[in-house]
Amino acid sequence: MRREILKFHDSNMARQEWNWTCFMERCENGSFSLTLKQELIEPEDADEAFAIDPALGLKRGADIYQGHCQKKLT
């Protein structure tokens, strides 16, 4: 018999969402099986474009690398 033991919702900053459902089932040999199911949730405004505003004062990876290399040389 398969039983739902846990269900939770998750999302990320890009407005993608999904549900996880965990099932446990007892097999014929007495062992147990754990199964996870992920269901993606399509956003209602999927066609709407969005932009992420840049954060001021952040350094690029190249800037950090160049600053680190210059310190070693001096």
C-alpha atoms as a PDB file:
ATOM      1  CA  MET A   1       0.000   0.000   0.000  1.00  0.00           C
ATOM      2  CA  ARG A   2       1.405   3.383  -1.022  1.00  0.00           C
ATOM      3  CA  ARG A   3       0.964   6.226   1.477  1.00  0.00           C
ATOM      4  CA  GLU A   4       1.668   9.929   1.149  1.00  0.00           C
ATOM      5  CA  ILE A   5       3.933  10.874   4.062  1.00  0.00           C
ATOM      6  CA  LEU A   6       5.031  14.430   3.214  1.00  0.00           C
ATOM      7  CA  LYS A   7       4.026  17.214   0.840  1.00  0.00           C
ATOM      8  CA  PHE A   8       5.629  20.643   0.556  1.00  0.00           C
ATOM      9  CA  HIS A   9       5.800  23.645  -1.757  1.00  0.00           C
ATOM     10  CA  ASP A  10       9.013  25.293  -2.965  1.00  0.00           C
ATOM     11  CA  SER A  11       9.981  28.169  -5.267  1.00  0.00           C
ATOM     12  CA  ASN A  12      12.924  30.285  -6.378  1.00  0.00           C
ATOM     13  CA  MET A  13      13.661  33.937  -7.146  1.00  0.00           C
ATOM     14  CA  ALA A  14      12.874  33.432 -10.846  1.00  0.00           C
ATOM     15  CA  ARG A  15       9.218  32.845  -9.890  1.00  0.00           C
ATOM     16  CA  GLN A  16       9.333  29.132 -10.640  1.00  0.00           C
ATOM     17  CA  GLU A  17       7.250  27.014  -8.279  1.00  0.00           C
ATOM     18  CA  TRP A  18       6.786  23.311  -7.642  1.00  0.00           C
ATOM     19  CA  ASN A  19       5.283  20.848  -5.188  1.00  0.00           C
ATOM     20  CA  TRP A  20       7.105  17.814  -3.781  1.00  0.00           C
ATOM     21  CA  THR A  21       5.156  14.786  -2.600  1.00  0.00           C
ATOM     22  CA  CYS A  22       6.864  11.904  -0.770  1.00  0.00           C
ATOM     23  CA  PHE A  23       5.324   8.437  -0.755  1.00  0.00           C
ATOM     24  CA  MET A  24       6.292   5.363   1.243  1.00  0.00           C
ATOM     25  CA  GLU A  25       5.321   1.889   0.145  1.00  0.00           C
ATOM     26  CA  ARG A  26       5.857  -1.512   1.755  1.00  0.00           C
ATOM     27  CA  CYS A  27       7.181  -4.055  -0.751  1.00  0.00           C
ATOM     28  CA  GLU A  28       6.274  -7.744  -0.880  1.00  0.00           C
ATOM     29  CA  ASN A  29       9.616  -8.775   0.670  1.00  0.00           C
ATOM     30  CA  GLY A  30       8.986  -6.580   3.747  1.00  0.00           C
ATOM     31  CA  SER A  31      11.294  -3.733   2.739  1.00  0.00           C
ATOM     32  CA  PHE A  32      10.137  -0.158   2.188  1.00  0.00           C
ATOM     33  CA  SER A  33      10.334   2.043  -0.880  1.00  0.00           C
ATOM     34  CA  LEU A  34      10.443   5.855  -0.796  1.00  0.00           C
ATOM     35  CA  THR A  35       9.279   7.749  -3.881  1.00  0.00           C
ATOM     36  CA  LEU A  36       9.326  11.494  -4.513  1.00  0.00           C
ATOM     37  CA  LYS A  37       7.155  13.212  -7.083  1.00  0.00           C
ATOM     38  CA  GLN A  38       7.814  16.750  -8.278  1.00  0.00           C
ATOM     39  CA  GLU A  39       4.994  18.724  -9.893  1.00  0.00           C
ATOM     40  CA  LEU A  40       5.941  21.968 -11.636  1.00  0.00           C
ATOM     41  CA  ILE A  41       3.469  24.823 -11.282  1.00  0.00           C
ATOM     42  CA  GLU A  42       3.202  27.048 -14.316  1.00  0.00           C
ATOM     43  CA  PRO A  43       2.984  30.739 -13.378  1.00  0.00           C
ATOM     44  CA  GLU A  44      -0.211  32.510 -14.405  1.00  0.00           C
ATOM     45  CA  ASP A  45       1.778  35.382 -15.916  1.00  0.00           C
ATOM     46  CA  ALA A  46       4.327  33.197 -17.736  1.00  0.00           C
ATOM     47  CA  ASP A  47       4.278  35.421 -20.828  1.00  0.00           C
ATOM     48  CA  GLU A  48       5.057  38.557 -18.835  1.00  0.00           C
ATOM     49  CA  ALA A  49       8.712  39.556 -19.103  1.00  0.00           C
ATOM     50  CA  PHE A  50      10.540  40.511 -15.932  1.00  0.00           C
ATOM     51  CA  ALA A  51      13.919  42.044 -15.169  1.00  0.00           C
ATOM     52  CA  ILE A  52      16.176  41.841 -12.149  1.00  0.00           C
ATOM     53  CA  ASP A  53      17.524  45.213 -11.082  1.00  0.00           C
ATOM     54  CA  PRO A  54      21.303  45.259 -10.645  1.00  0.00           C
ATOM     55  CA  ALA A  55      22.599  45.658  -7.104  1.00  0.00           C
ATOM     56  CA  LEU A  56      24.914  48.647  -6.825  1.00  0.00           C
ATOM     57  CA  GLY A  57      28.390  48.125  -5.413  1.00  0.00           C
ATOM     58  CA  LEU A  58      28.718  44.456  -6.322  1.00  0.00           C
ATOM     59  CA  LYS A  59      31.968  43.336  -7.928  1.00  0.00           C
ATOM     60  CA  ARG A  60      32.252  41.046 -10.921  1.00  0.00           C
ATOM     61  CA  GLY A  61      34.307  37.862 -10.626  1.00  0.00           C
ATOM     62  CA  ALA A  62      36.895  39.298 -13.040  1.00  0.00           C
ATOM     63  CA  ASP A  63      37.333  42.400 -10.827  1.00  0.00           C
ATOM     64  CA  ILE A  64      37.942  40.262  -7.739  1.00  0.00           C
ATOM     65  CA  TYR A  65      40.386  38.004  -9.569  1.00  0.00           C
ATOM     66  CA  GLN A  66      42.367  40.959 -10.964  1.00  0.00           C
ATOM     67  CA  GLY A  67      42.496  42.635  -7.553  1.00  0.00           C
ATOM     68  CA  HIS A  68      43.763  39.415  -5.961  1.00  0.00           C
ATOM     69  CA  CYS A  69      46.465  38.962  -8.637  1.00  0.00           C
ATOM     70  CA  GLN A  70      47.644  42.578  -8.297  1.00  0.00           C
ATOM     71  CA  LYS A  71      48.062  42.131  -4.511  1.00  0.00           C
ATOM     72  CA  LYS A  72      50.352  39.146  -5.070  1.00  0.00           C
ATOM     73  CA  LEU A  73      52.547  41.115  -7.478  1.00  0.00           C
ATOM     74  CA  THR A  74      53.086  44.098  -5.166  1.00  0.00           C
END
